[in-house]
Each structure stands twice: as structure tokens, then as C-alpha cells.
């Protein structure tokens, strides 16, 4: 019933910008932390950034200053603004959210989006 739908990936040149969106939908009681991860070819999935319901944020050190995470609680949506993109940023980007579904008490469940490809190339 609960799912995350991502959008905004694509091909950009080095130095360009891209904005990713991820909306949670379904039978949702509440959403706690939301975040973005990425996985480059041949590498482990790594945290990009996460954000709490109160807008407290945390970033990977290498991305601080270039990427910005934000959320719209009314829309159950998390965003990732990516600026000054580098070829090393090429990866599949996944969003996630810790959600209490309706009918499951107060338990939090981790949900993942399907992933969206970001390619930075000249």
C-alpha cells in the first residue's frame, strides 16, 4: 500500500544542476526521517543525506555545500537539489522513508523508492 515514487533523474553536464523528488503515498499514519542514498557502478550504496521531520539534516562530507535536502510534510515529499555536479556523482539515486503505516500501530517501517539514474557526463 505504501510506496515511494521518485522523479527528476537524467543526464547533465559537469557543473550542471538537477533536482530529485520523491513522494510517499498510500495508507500512511506518519513519516519520520527521509533520506537519499546512491549507488555507483561497482560500489556500495552510500548515504547522501537525510532529514528529520523537524528539518534537521545530515550530509555526506563530500557533498556538503553542493547538495541540499528538503521536505514538504504536507505533500509527504522529500527533495534533493544537486548543484555543481561532477562525473563522480553518477549513480542510481534512491530515496527512503521511515513510515508508520495505518493499521500497524507505532512501528516504523523502512521504505525505498525504485531508484532514478543520474548521469553526469560531457
Protein backbone atom coordinates (compact mmCIF):
# COMPACT_ATOMS: atom_id res chain seq x y z
CA UNK A 1 0.00 0.00 0.00
CA UNK A 2 2.79 2.42 0.88
CA UNK A 3 5.20 3.32 -1.87
CA UNK A 4 7.79 5.95 -2.77
CA UNK A 5 7.80 7.39 -6.27
CA UNK A 6 10.92 9.17 -7.49
CA UNK A 7 11.38 11.60 -10.34
CA UNK A 8 13.89 14.08 -11.70
CA UNK A 9 16.85 11.95 -12.73
CA UNK A 10 18.59 12.37 -16.05
CA UNK A 11 21.72 13.34 -17.93
CA UNK A 12 23.55 16.57 -17.12
CA UNK A 13 26.93 18.07 -17.95
CA UNK A 14 29.59 18.62 -15.29
CA UNK A 15 28.80 21.75 -13.35
CA UNK A 16 25.10 21.40 -14.02
CA UNK A 17 22.21 21.02 -11.61
CA UNK A 18 19.40 18.58 -11.06
CA UNK A 19 16.53 18.32 -8.62
CA UNK A 20 15.18 14.97 -7.50
CA UNK A 21 11.78 14.44 -5.91
CA UNK A 22 10.30 11.52 -4.04
CA UNK A 23 6.70 11.35 -2.87
CA UNK A 24 5.32 8.83 -0.40
CA UNK A 25 1.79 7.63 -0.96
CA UNK A 26 -0.63 5.08 0.43
CA UNK A 27 -2.11 4.42 3.84
CA UNK A 28 0.28 6.45 5.99
CA UNK A 29 -0.11 7.39 9.62
CA UNK A 30 3.15 9.33 9.91
CA UNK A 31 6.60 9.74 8.38
CA UNK A 32 9.76 10.16 10.39
CA UNK A 33 13.18 10.53 8.77
CA UNK A 34 13.50 10.67 4.99
CA UNK A 35 16.69 10.42 3.00
CA UNK A 36 18.61 9.88 -0.19
CA UNK A 37 21.17 7.21 -0.98
CA UNK A 38 23.12 6.48 -4.10
CA UNK A 39 24.93 3.55 -5.65
CA UNK A 40 27.56 3.93 -8.34
CA UNK A 41 28.59 1.01 -10.56
CA UNK A 42 30.77 -1.41 -8.63
CA UNK A 43 30.30 0.41 -5.34
CA UNK A 44 28.24 0.01 -2.20
CA UNK A 45 25.15 2.04 -1.62
CA UNK A 46 26.01 5.12 0.40
CA UNK A 47 24.13 7.77 2.29
CA UNK A 48 23.79 11.10 0.51
CA UNK A 49 21.68 12.98 3.05
CA UNK A 50 18.81 12.56 5.43
CA UNK A 51 16.33 14.88 7.05
CA UNK A 52 14.10 14.57 10.09
CA UNK A 53 10.50 15.63 10.39
CA UNK A 54 11.74 18.77 12.15
CA UNK A 55 14.10 19.57 9.22
CA UNK A 56 17.33 18.58 10.93
CA UNK A 57 19.72 17.50 8.17
CA UNK A 58 22.88 15.49 7.73
CA UNK A 59 25.08 15.15 4.64
CA UNK A 60 27.95 13.11 3.40
CA UNK A 61 31.04 15.29 3.90
CA UNK A 62 31.98 15.24 0.23
CA UNK A 63 28.58 16.57 -0.78
CA UNK A 64 28.15 19.27 1.81
CA UNK A 65 27.72 22.63 0.12
CA UNK A 66 26.70 21.18 -3.25
CA UNK A 67 23.63 19.13 -2.34
CA UNK A 68 20.61 20.27 -0.36
CA UNK A 69 17.91 18.03 1.06
CA UNK A 70 14.48 19.36 1.97
CA UNK A 71 10.97 18.08 2.57
CA UNK A 72 7.37 19.11 2.34
CA UNK A 73 5.47 17.33 5.08
CA UNK A 74 2.09 18.32 3.70
CA UNK A 75 2.95 16.54 0.46
CA UNK A 76 4.90 13.65 2.02
CA UNK A 77 7.72 14.55 -0.33
CA UNK A 78 11.49 14.78 0.01
CA UNK A 79 13.73 16.65 -2.44
CA UNK A 80 17.38 16.65 -3.33
CA UNK A 81 18.81 19.71 -5.03
CA UNK A 82 22.12 18.84 -6.68
CA UNK A 83 24.43 21.62 -7.85
CA UNK A 84 27.93 21.73 -9.33
CA UNK A 85 27.59 18.13 -10.39
CA UNK A 86 30.68 16.07 -11.08
CA UNK A 87 31.16 12.85 -13.06
CA UNK A 88 31.78 11.11 -9.74
CA UNK A 89 28.16 11.86 -8.81
CA UNK A 90 26.95 9.46 -11.48
CA UNK A 91 24.88 6.80 -9.73
CA UNK A 92 21.44 5.42 -9.16
CA UNK A 93 19.81 7.57 -6.51
CA UNK A 94 17.31 6.03 -4.10
CA UNK A 95 15.02 7.75 -1.66
CA UNK A 96 13.85 6.19 1.56
CA UNK A 97 11.48 6.97 4.38
CA UNK A 98 10.70 5.60 7.81
CA UNK A 99 6.94 5.31 7.87
CA UNK A 100 4.24 4.18 10.28
CA UNK A 101 1.53 2.71 8.05
CA UNK A 102 -2.08 2.92 9.08
CA UNK A 103 -3.08 -0.21 10.95
CA UNK A 104 0.44 -1.12 12.07
CA UNK A 105 0.49 0.71 15.38
CA UNK A 106 3.51 2.87 16.07
CA UNK A 107 6.04 0.64 14.35
CA UNK A 108 8.29 2.29 11.80
CA UNK A 109 8.98 0.56 8.50
CA UNK A 110 11.74 1.40 6.06
CA UNK A 111 10.53 2.00 2.52
CA UNK A 112 12.61 2.52 -0.59
CA UNK A 113 11.99 4.08 -3.94
CA UNK A 114 12.78 2.28 -7.17
CA UNK A 115 15.84 4.39 -7.91
CA UNK A 116 16.48 7.01 -10.56
CA UNK A 117 19.57 7.27 -12.74
CA UNK A 118 21.71 10.39 -12.57
CA UNK A 119 24.46 10.62 -15.16
CA UNK A 120 26.99 13.46 -15.19
CA UNK A 121 28.98 13.49 -18.40
CA UNK A 122 30.29 15.89 -21.01
